PDB file of N, CA and C in Angstrom:
ATOM      1  N   MET A   1     -34.975 -70.402 -91.913  1.00  0.00           N
ATOM      2  CA  MET A   1     -36.355 -70.359 -91.847  1.00  0.00           C
ATOM      3  C   MET A   1     -36.937 -69.965 -90.304  1.00  0.00           C
ATOM      4  N   LYS A   2     -37.847 -69.561 -90.019  1.00  0.00           N
ATOM      5  CA  LYS A   2     -38.349 -69.476 -88.533  1.00  0.00           C
ATOM      6  C   LYS A   2     -39.401 -70.776 -88.433  1.00  0.00           C
ATOM      7  N   HIS A   3     -39.328 -71.319 -87.088  1.00  0.00           N
ATOM      8  CA  HIS A   3     -40.405 -72.044 -86.935  1.00  0.00           C
ATOM      9  C   HIS A   3     -41.151 -71.627 -85.964  1.00  0.00           C
ATOM     10  N   THR A   4     -42.629 -71.864 -86.754  1.00  0.00           N
ATOM     11  CA  THR A   4     -43.666 -70.834 -85.600  1.00  0.00           C
ATOM     12  C   THR A   4     -44.350 -71.793 -85.152  1.00  0.00           C
ATOM     13  N   ARG A   5     -45.017 -71.639 -84.082  1.00  0.00           N
ATOM     14  CA  ARG A   5     -46.048 -72.422 -83.347  1.00  0.00           C
ATOM     15  C   ARG A   5     -47.238 -72.173 -83.399  1.00  0.00           C
ATOM     16  N   PRO A   6     -48.388 -72.433 -83.963  1.00  0.00           N
ATOM     17  CA  PRO A   6     -49.547 -71.681 -84.246  1.00  0.00           C
ATOM     18  C   PRO A   6     -50.235 -72.027 -82.932  1.00  0.00           C
ATOM     19  N   ILE A   7     -50.882 -71.267 -82.098  1.00  0.00           N
ATOM     20  CA  ILE A   7     -51.486 -71.007 -80.804  1.00  0.00           C
ATOM     21  C   ILE A   7     -52.834 -71.430 -80.782  1.00  0.00           C
ATOM     22  N   THR A   8     -52.936 -72.760 -80.355  1.00  0.00           N
ATOM     23  CA  THR A   8     -54.343 -73.268 -80.479  1.00  0.00           C
ATOM     24  C   THR A   8     -55.443 -72.919 -79.276  1.00  0.00           C
ATOM     25  N   THR A   9     -56.518 -73.453 -79.177  1.00  0.00           N
ATOM     26  CA  THR A   9     -57.436 -72.977 -78.231  1.00  0.00           C
ATOM     27  C   THR A   9     -56.891 -73.925 -77.015  1.00  0.00           C
ATOM     28  N   ASN A  10     -56.295 -74.970 -77.200  1.00  0.00           N
ATOM     29  CA  ASN A  10     -55.992 -75.722 -75.922  1.00  0.00           C
ATOM     30  C   ASN A  10     -54.894 -75.032 -75.383  1.00  0.00           C
ATOM     31  N   ASP A  11     -53.937 -74.366 -75.899  1.00  0.00           N
ATOM     32  CA  ASP A  11     -53.231 -73.503 -75.154  1.00  0.00           C
ATOM     33  C   ASP A  11     -53.717 -72.646 -74.313  1.00  0.00           C
ATOM     34  N   VAL A  12     -54.650 -71.777 -74.685  1.00  0.00           N
ATOM     35  CA  VAL A  12     -55.395 -70.814 -74.462  1.00  0.00           C
ATOM     36  C   VAL A  12     -56.037 -71.028 -73.099  1.00  0.00           C
ATOM     37  N   ILE A  13     -56.781 -72.317 -72.885  1.00  0.00           N
ATOM     38  CA  ILE A  13     -57.090 -72.907 -71.932  1.00  0.00           C
ATOM     39  C   ILE A  13     -56.215 -73.461 -70.996  1.00  0.00           C
ATOM     40  N   ASP A  14     -55.332 -73.951 -71.238  1.00  0.00           N
ATOM     41  CA  ASP A  14     -53.807 -74.680 -70.336  1.00  0.00           C
ATOM     42  C   ASP A  14     -53.651 -73.263 -69.761  1.00  0.00           C
ATOM     43  N   ASN A  15     -53.416 -72.205 -70.193  1.00  0.00           N
ATOM     44  CA  ASN A  15     -52.723 -70.848 -69.439  1.00  0.00           C
ATOM     45  C   ASN A  15     -53.736 -70.226 -68.490  1.00  0.00           C
ATOM     46  N   ARG A  16     -54.791 -70.417 -68.868  1.00  0.00           N
ATOM     47  CA  ARG A  16     -56.195 -69.669 -67.857  1.00  0.00           C
ATOM     48  C   ARG A  16     -56.343 -70.689 -67.025  1.00  0.00           C
ATOM     49  N   LEU A  17     -55.881 -71.822 -66.913  1.00  0.00           N
ATOM     50  CA  LEU A  17     -55.920 -72.536 -65.515  1.00  0.00           C
ATOM     51  C   LEU A  17     -54.857 -72.352 -64.699  1.00  0.00           C
ATOM     52  N   LYS A  18     -53.690 -71.796 -65.298  1.00  0.00           N
ATOM     53  CA  LYS A  18     -52.560 -71.822 -64.318  1.00  0.00           C
ATOM     54  C   LYS A  18     -52.709 -70.988 -63.453  1.00  0.00           C
ATOM     55  N   LEU A  19     -52.466 -70.981 -62.088  1.00  0.00           N
ATOM     56  CA  LEU A  19     -52.756 -70.254 -61.107  1.00  0.00           C
ATOM     57  C   LEU A  19     -51.830 -69.051 -60.787  1.00  0.00           C
ATOM     58  N   SER A  20     -50.488 -69.112 -61.687  1.00  0.00           N
ATOM     59  CA  SER A  20     -50.167 -68.122 -61.743  1.00  0.00           C
ATOM     60  C   SER A  20     -50.329 -66.939 -62.494  1.00  0.00           C
ATOM     61  N   ASN A  21     -51.470 -67.212 -63.206  1.00  0.00           N
ATOM     62  CA  ASN A  21     -52.349 -66.404 -64.297  1.00  0.00           C
ATOM     63  C   ASN A  21     -53.388 -65.508 -63.464  1.00  0.00           C
ATOM     64  N   HIS A  22     -53.687 -66.259 -62.234  1.00  0.00           N
ATOM     65  CA  HIS A  22     -54.813 -65.735 -61.849  1.00  0.00           C
ATOM     66  C   HIS A  22     -54.469 -64.100 -60.622  1.00  0.00           C
ATOM     67  N   GLN A  23     -55.413 -63.208 -60.945  1.00  0.00           N
ATOM     68  CA  GLN A  23     -55.075 -62.472 -59.720  1.00  0.00           C
ATOM     69  C   GLN A  23     -56.198 -62.147 -58.838  1.00  0.00           C
ATOM     70  N   GLY A  24     -55.466 -62.311 -57.598  1.00  0.00           N
ATOM     71  CA  GLY A  24     -56.503 -62.184 -56.491  1.00  0.00           C
ATOM     72  C   GLY A  24     -57.110 -60.869 -56.412  1.00  0.00           C
ATOM     73  N   ILE A  25     -58.402 -61.009 -55.441  1.00  0.00           N
ATOM     74  CA  ILE A  25     -58.864 -59.675 -55.552  1.00  0.00           C
ATOM     75  C   ILE A  25     -58.077 -59.036 -53.928  1.00  0.00           C
ATOM     76  N   VAL A  26     -58.061 -58.094 -54.046  1.00  0.00           N
ATOM     77  CA  VAL A  26     -57.362 -57.175 -53.147  1.00  0.00           C
ATOM     78  C   VAL A  26     -58.692 -56.384 -52.416  1.00  0.00           C
ATOM     79  N   PRO A  27     -58.492 -56.634 -51.126  1.00  0.00           N
ATOM     80  CA  PRO A  27     -59.465 -55.884 -50.503  1.00  0.00           C
ATOM     81  C   PRO A  27     -59.459 -54.299 -50.518  1.00  0.00           C
ATOM     82  N   LYS A  28     -60.201 -53.304 -50.178  1.00  0.00           N
ATOM     83  CA  LYS A  28     -59.924 -51.520 -50.712  1.00  0.00           C
ATOM     84  C   LYS A  28     -59.269 -51.494 -49.151  1.00  0.00           C
ATOM     85  N   SER A  29     -59.675 -51.932 -48.087  1.00  0.00           N
ATOM     86  CA  SER A  29     -58.578 -51.267 -46.795  1.00  0.00           C
ATOM     87  C   SER A  29     -57.255 -51.641 -47.261  1.00  0.00           C
ATOM     88  N   LYS A  30     -56.862 -52.786 -48.156  1.00  0.00           N
ATOM     89  CA  LYS A  30     -55.294 -52.967 -48.242  1.00  0.00           C
ATOM     90  C   LYS A  30     -55.029 -51.830 -49.173  1.00  0.00           C
ATOM     91  N   LEU A  31     -55.504 -51.521 -49.877  1.00  0.00           N
ATOM     92  CA  LEU A  31     -55.399 -50.663 -51.008  1.00  0.00           C
ATOM     93  C   LEU A  31     -55.289 -49.465 -50.462  1.00  0.00           C
ATOM     94  N   ALA A  32     -55.936 -48.985 -49.534  1.00  0.00           N
ATOM     95  CA  ALA A  32     -56.095 -47.652 -49.089  1.00  0.00           C
ATOM     96  C   ALA A  32     -54.668 -47.771 -48.118  1.00  0.00           C
ATOM     97  N   ALA A  33     -53.780 -48.688 -47.806  1.00  0.00           N
ATOM     98  CA  ALA A  33     -52.930 -48.817 -46.548  1.00  0.00           C
ATOM     99  C   ALA A  33     -51.836 -47.685 -47.133  1.00  0.00           C
ATOM    100  N   GLY A  34     -51.326 -46.716 -46.018  1.00  0.00           N
ATOM    101  CA  GLY A  34     -50.234 -46.155 -46.758  1.00  0.00           C
ATOM    102  C   GLY A  34     -50.778 -44.404 -47.684  1.00  0.00           C
ATOM    103  N   SER A  35     -52.091 -44.801 -47.791  1.00  0.00           N
ATOM    104  CA  SER A  35     -52.521 -43.722 -48.598  1.00  0.00           C
ATOM    105  C   SER A  35     -52.530 -42.250 -47.593  1.00  0.00           C
ATOM    106  N   VAL A  36     -52.812 -41.243 -48.303  1.00  0.00           N
ATOM    107  CA  VAL A  36     -52.274 -40.051 -47.370  1.00  0.00           C
ATOM    108  C   VAL A  36     -54.026 -39.156 -47.700  1.00  0.00           C
ATOM    109  N   VAL A  37     -54.714 -39.755 -48.269  1.00  0.00           N
ATOM    110  CA  VAL A  37     -56.363 -39.215 -48.852  1.00  0.00           C
ATOM    111  C   VAL A  37     -56.876 -38.979 -47.683  1.00  0.00           C
ATOM    112  N   GLY A  38     -57.570 -37.925 -47.264  1.00  0.00           N
ATOM    113  CA  GLY A  38     -57.940 -37.366 -45.983  1.00  0.00           C
ATOM    114  C   GLY A  38     -56.991 -37.139 -44.887  1.00  0.00           C
ATOM    115  N   LEU A  39     -55.827 -36.931 -45.286  1.00  0.00           N
ATOM    116  CA  LEU A  39     -54.812 -36.666 -44.331  1.00  0.00           C
ATOM    117  C   LEU A  39     -54.246 -35.159 -44.388  1.00  0.00           C
ATOM    118  N   TYR A  40     -53.844 -34.338 -43.300  1.00  0.00           N
ATOM    119  CA  TYR A  40     -53.585 -32.941 -43.602  1.00  0.00           C
ATOM    120  C   TYR A  40     -51.902 -33.216 -43.386  1.00  0.00           C
ATOM    121  N   PRO A  41     -50.696 -32.195 -44.328  1.00  0.00           N
ATOM    122  CA  PRO A  41     -49.493 -32.421 -44.276  1.00  0.00           C
ATOM    123  C   PRO A  41     -49.188 -31.081 -43.443  1.00  0.00           C
ATOM    124  N   VAL A  42     -48.516 -31.538 -42.653  1.00  0.00           N
ATOM    125  CA  VAL A  42     -47.579 -30.527 -41.473  1.00  0.00           C
ATOM    126  C   VAL A  42     -46.171 -30.688 -42.006  1.00  0.00           C
ATOM    127  N   ILE A  43     -45.753 -29.451 -42.272  1.00  0.00           N
ATOM    128  CA  ILE A  43     -44.464 -29.080 -43.043  1.00  0.00           C
ATOM    129  C   ILE A  43     -43.453 -28.624 -42.138  1.00  0.00           C
ATOM    130  N   LEU A  44     -42.107 -29.345 -41.573  1.00  0.00           N
ATOM    131  CA  LEU A  44     -41.288 -29.177 -40.571  1.00  0.00           C
ATOM    132  C   LEU A  44     -40.014 -28.828 -41.207  1.00  0.00           C
ATOM    133  N   ASP A  45     -38.980 -28.409 -40.330  1.00  0.00           N
ATOM    134  CA  ASP A  45     -37.797 -28.409 -40.661  1.00  0.00           C
ATOM    135  C   ASP A  45     -37.659 -27.490 -42.288  1.00  0.00           C
ATOM    136  N   GLY A  46     -38.079 -26.723 -42.508  1.00  0.00           N
ATOM    137  CA  GLY A  46     -38.326 -25.780 -43.679  1.00  0.00           C
ATOM    138  C   GLY A  46     -38.799 -26.611 -44.893  1.00  0.00           C
ATOM    139  N   GLY A  47     -39.329 -27.467 -44.670  1.00  0.00           N
ATOM    140  CA  GLY A  47     -39.738 -28.377 -46.119  1.00  0.00           C
ATOM    141  C   GLY A  47     -38.950 -29.719 -46.015  1.00  0.00           C
ATOM    142  N   ARG A  48     -38.018 -29.997 -45.193  1.00  0.00           N
ATOM    143  CA  ARG A  48     -37.513 -31.565 -45.269  1.00  0.00           C
ATOM    144  C   ARG A  48     -38.179 -32.490 -44.552  1.00  0.00           C
ATOM    145  N   THR A  49     -39.072 -32.145 -43.734  1.00  0.00           N
ATOM    146  CA  THR A  49     -39.896 -33.272 -42.853  1.00  0.00           C
ATOM    147  C   THR A  49     -41.273 -32.851 -43.076  1.00  0.00           C
ATOM    148  N   THR A  50     -41.951 -33.885 -43.647  1.00  0.00           N
ATOM    149  CA  THR A  50     -43.637 -33.599 -43.864  1.00  0.00           C
ATOM    150  C   THR A  50     -44.077 -34.742 -43.164  1.00  0.00           C
ATOM    151  N   ILE A  51     -45.330 -34.495 -42.262  1.00  0.00           N
ATOM    152  CA  ILE A  51     -45.873 -35.276 -41.305  1.00  0.00           C
ATOM    153  C   ILE A  51     -47.169 -35.138 -41.488  1.00  0.00           C
ATOM    154  N   TYR A  52     -48.190 -36.175 -41.702  1.00  0.00           N
ATOM    155  CA  TYR A  52     -49.418 -36.102 -42.225  1.00  0.00           C
ATOM    156  C   TYR A  52     -50.515 -36.397 -41.230  1.00  0.00           C
ATOM    157  N   ILE A  53     -51.440 -35.694 -40.598  1.00  0.00           N
ATOM    158  CA  ILE A  53     -52.239 -35.891 -39.304  1.00  0.00           C
ATOM    159  C   ILE A  53     -53.584 -36.025 -39.792  1.00  0.00           C
ATOM    160  N   SER A  54     -54.462 -36.612 -39.399  1.00  0.00           N
ATOM    161  CA  SER A  54     -55.845 -36.709 -39.572  1.00  0.00           C
ATOM    162  C   SER A  54     -56.659 -35.426 -38.936  1.00  0.00           C
ATOM    163  N   ASP A  55     -56.130 -35.018 -37.952  1.00  0.00           N
ATOM    164  CA  ASP A  55     -57.134 -33.831 -37.431  1.00  0.00           C
ATOM    165  C   ASP A  55     -55.846 -32.366 -37.561  1.00  0.00           C
ATOM    166  N   VAL A  56     -56.711 -31.484 -38.042  1.00  0.00           N
ATOM    167  CA  VAL A  56     -55.937 -30.090 -38.537  1.00  0.00           C
ATOM    168  C   VAL A  56     -55.862 -29.450 -37.218  1.00  0.00           C
ATOM    169  N   SER A  57     -56.731 -29.461 -36.085  1.00  0.00           N
ATOM    170  CA  SER A  57     -56.438 -29.053 -34.596  1.00  0.00           C
ATOM    171  C   SER A  57     -55.451 -29.477 -34.146  1.00  0.00           C
ATOM    172  N   LYS A  58     -54.804 -30.527 -34.311  1.00  0.00           N
ATOM    173  CA  LYS A  58     -53.659 -31.133 -33.509  1.00  0.00           C
ATOM    174  C   LYS A  58     -52.420 -30.454 -34.214  1.00  0.00           C
ATOM    175  N   GLU A  59     -52.418 -29.720 -35.227  1.00  0.00           N
ATOM    176  CA  GLU A  59     -51.229 -29.458 -36.026  1.00  0.00           C
ATOM    177  C   GLU A  59     -50.554 -28.623 -34.937  1.00  0.00           C
ATOM    178  N   ALA A  60     -50.516 -27.541 -33.885  1.00  0.00           N
ATOM    179  CA  ALA A  60     -49.566 -26.971 -33.090  1.00  0.00           C
ATOM    180  C   ALA A  60     -48.999 -28.073 -32.122  1.00  0.00           C
ATOM    181  N   GLU A  61     -49.720 -29.015 -31.700  1.00  0.00           N
ATOM    182  CA  GLU A  61     -49.373 -29.964 -30.969  1.00  0.00           C
ATOM    183  C   GLU A  61     -48.263 -30.777 -31.656  1.00  0.00           C
ATOM    184  N   THR A  62     -48.558 -31.018 -32.981  1.00  0.00           N
ATOM    185  CA  THR A  62     -47.541 -32.370 -33.613  1.00  0.00           C
ATOM    186  C   THR A  62     -46.334 -31.213 -33.886  1.00  0.00           C
ATOM    187  N   ARG A  63     -46.448 -29.954 -33.904  1.00  0.00           N
ATOM    188  CA  ARG A  63     -45.149 -28.968 -34.278  1.00  0.00           C
ATOM    189  C   ARG A  63     -44.166 -29.295 -32.953  1.00  0.00           C
ATOM    190  N   LYS A  64     -45.011 -29.193 -31.836  1.00  0.00           N
ATOM    191  CA  LYS A  64     -44.492 -28.845 -30.349  1.00  0.00           C
ATOM    192  C   LYS A  64     -43.781 -29.953 -30.034  1.00  0.00           C
ATOM    193  N   LYS A  65     -44.336 -31.156 -30.208  1.00  0.00           N
ATOM    194  CA  LYS A  65     -43.831 -32.523 -30.274  1.00  0.00           C
ATOM    195  C   LYS A  65     -42.578 -33.094 -31.170  1.00  0.00           C
ATOM    196  N   TYR A  66     -42.749 -32.516 -32.356  1.00  0.00           N
ATOM    197  CA  TYR A  66     -41.507 -32.661 -33.282  1.00  0.00           C
ATOM    198  C   TYR A  66     -40.158 -32.029 -32.871  1.00  0.00           C
ATOM    199  N   GLU A  67     -40.539 -30.755 -32.444  1.00  0.00           N
ATOM    200  CA  GLU A  67     -39.652 -29.622 -31.467  1.00  0.00           C
ATOM    201  C   GLU A  67     -39.154 -30.412 -30.525  1.00  0.00           C
ATOM    202  N   LEU A  68     -39.919 -30.631 -29.842  1.00  0.00           N
ATOM    203  CA  LEU A  68     -39.446 -31.487 -28.181  1.00  0.00           C
ATOM    204  C   LEU A  68     -38.374 -32.493 -28.727  1.00  0.00           C
ATOM    205  N   TRP A  69     -38.971 -33.290 -29.699  1.00  0.00           N
ATOM    206  CA  TRP A  69     -38.006 -34.753 -30.128  1.00  0.00           C
ATOM    207  C   TRP A  69     -37.104 -34.293 -30.531  1.00  0.00           C
ATOM    208  N   MET A  70     -36.727 -33.083 -31.682  1.00  0.00           N
ATOM    209  CA  MET A  70     -35.335 -32.334 -32.330  1.00  0.00           C
ATOM    210  C   MET A  70     -34.450 -31.892 -31.113  1.00  0.00           C
ATOM    211  N   GLY A  71     -35.070 -31.540 -30.266  1.00  0.00           N
ATOM    212  CA  GLY A  71     -34.163 -31.018 -29.122  1.00  0.00           C
ATOM    213  C   GLY A  71     -33.521 -31.625 -28.097  1.00  0.00           C
ATOM    214  N   ASN A  72     -34.252 -33.039 -28.061  1.00  0.00           N
ATOM    215  CA  ASN A  72     -33.709 -34.087 -27.350  1.00  0.00           C
ATOM    216  C   ASN A  72     -32.296 -34.492 -27.541  1.00  0.00           C
ATOM    217  N   LYS A  73     -31.330 -34.025 -27.416  1.00  0.00           N
ATOM    218  CA  LYS A  73     -29.953 -34.348 -27.828  1.00  0.00           C
ATOM    219  C   LYS A  73     -29.678 -35.892 -27.498  1.00  0.00           C
ATOM    220  N   TYR A  74     -30.042 -36.678 -26.086  1.00  0.00           N
ATOM    221  CA  TYR A  74     -30.038 -37.728 -26.077  1.00  0.00           C
ATOM    222  C   TYR A  74     -30.621 -38.701 -26.711  1.00  0.00           C
ATOM    223  N   LEU A  75     -31.750 -38.510 -27.455  1.00  0.00           N
ATOM    224  CA  LEU A  75     -32.422 -39.189 -28.212  1.00  0.00           C
ATOM    225  C   LEU A  75     -31.979 -39.189 -29.795  1.00  0.00           C
ATOM    226  N   LEU A  76     -31.245 -38.138 -30.245  1.00  0.00           N
ATOM    227  CA  LEU A  76     -30.922 -38.087 -31.263  1.00  0.00           C
ATOM    228  C   LEU A  76     -29.500 -38.927 -31.285  1.00  0.00           C
ATOM    229  N   VAL A  77     -28.784 -38.547 -30.328  1.00  0.00           N
ATOM    230  CA  VAL A  77     -27.224 -39.862 -30.118  1.00  0.00           C
ATOM    231  C   VAL A  77     -27.793 -41.060 -30.184  1.00  0.00           C
ATOM    232  N   SER A  78     -28.772 -42.074 -29.126  1.00  0.00           N
ATOM    233  CA  SER A  78     -29.298 -43.060 -29.185  1.00  0.00           C
ATOM    234  C   SER A  78     -29.477 -43.603 -30.170  1.00  0.00           C
ATOM    235  N   ASP A  79     -30.304 -42.690 -31.458  1.00  0.00           N
ATOM    236  CA  ASP A  79     -30.998 -43.119 -32.705  1.00  0.00           C
ATOM    237  C   ASP A  79     -29.919 -43.555 -33.590  1.00  0.00           C
ATOM    238  N   GLN A  80     -28.634 -42.491 -33.351  1.00  0.00           N
ATOM    239  CA  GLN A  80     -27.635 -42.894 -34.431  1.00  0.00           C
ATOM    240  C   GLN A  80     -26.946 -44.062 -34.324  1.00  0.00           C
ATOM    241  N   THR A  81     -26.507 -44.404 -32.910  1.00  0.00           N
ATOM    242  CA  THR A  81     -25.982 -45.506 -32.720  1.00  0.00           C
ATOM    243  C   THR A  81     -26.686 -46.952 -33.048  1.00  0.00           C
ATOM    244  N   LYS A  82     -27.724 -46.739 -33.498  1.00  0.00           N
ATOM    245  CA  LYS A  82     -28.732 -48.008 -33.571  1.00  0.00           C
ATOM    246  C   LYS A  82     -28.325 -48.532 -35.086  1.00  0.00           C
ATOM    247  N   SER A  83     -28.515 -47.149 -35.753  1.00  0.00           N
ATOM    248  CA  SER A  83     -28.243 -47.602 -37.356  1.00  0.00           C
ATOM    249  C   SER A  83     -27.088 -48.574 -37.341  1.00  0.00           C
TER     250      SER A  83
END
């Protein structure tokens, strides 16, 4: 036979007062961190890399910087040695 324990109002009050049951208010700025809302995607490397920028007019500049970064062999070798 199962032993069941009835839940009383005291149990509910005790659980409500525990700090682990309280959810803190998270500011909207923290909820939006990492969000891509309002950003424009720039797709590079045939779809392997996506960079999000805030200004559409800087898309050409972003593409050029990425190409220069990928073309720099010293940078690519130094990144591999750090890993």
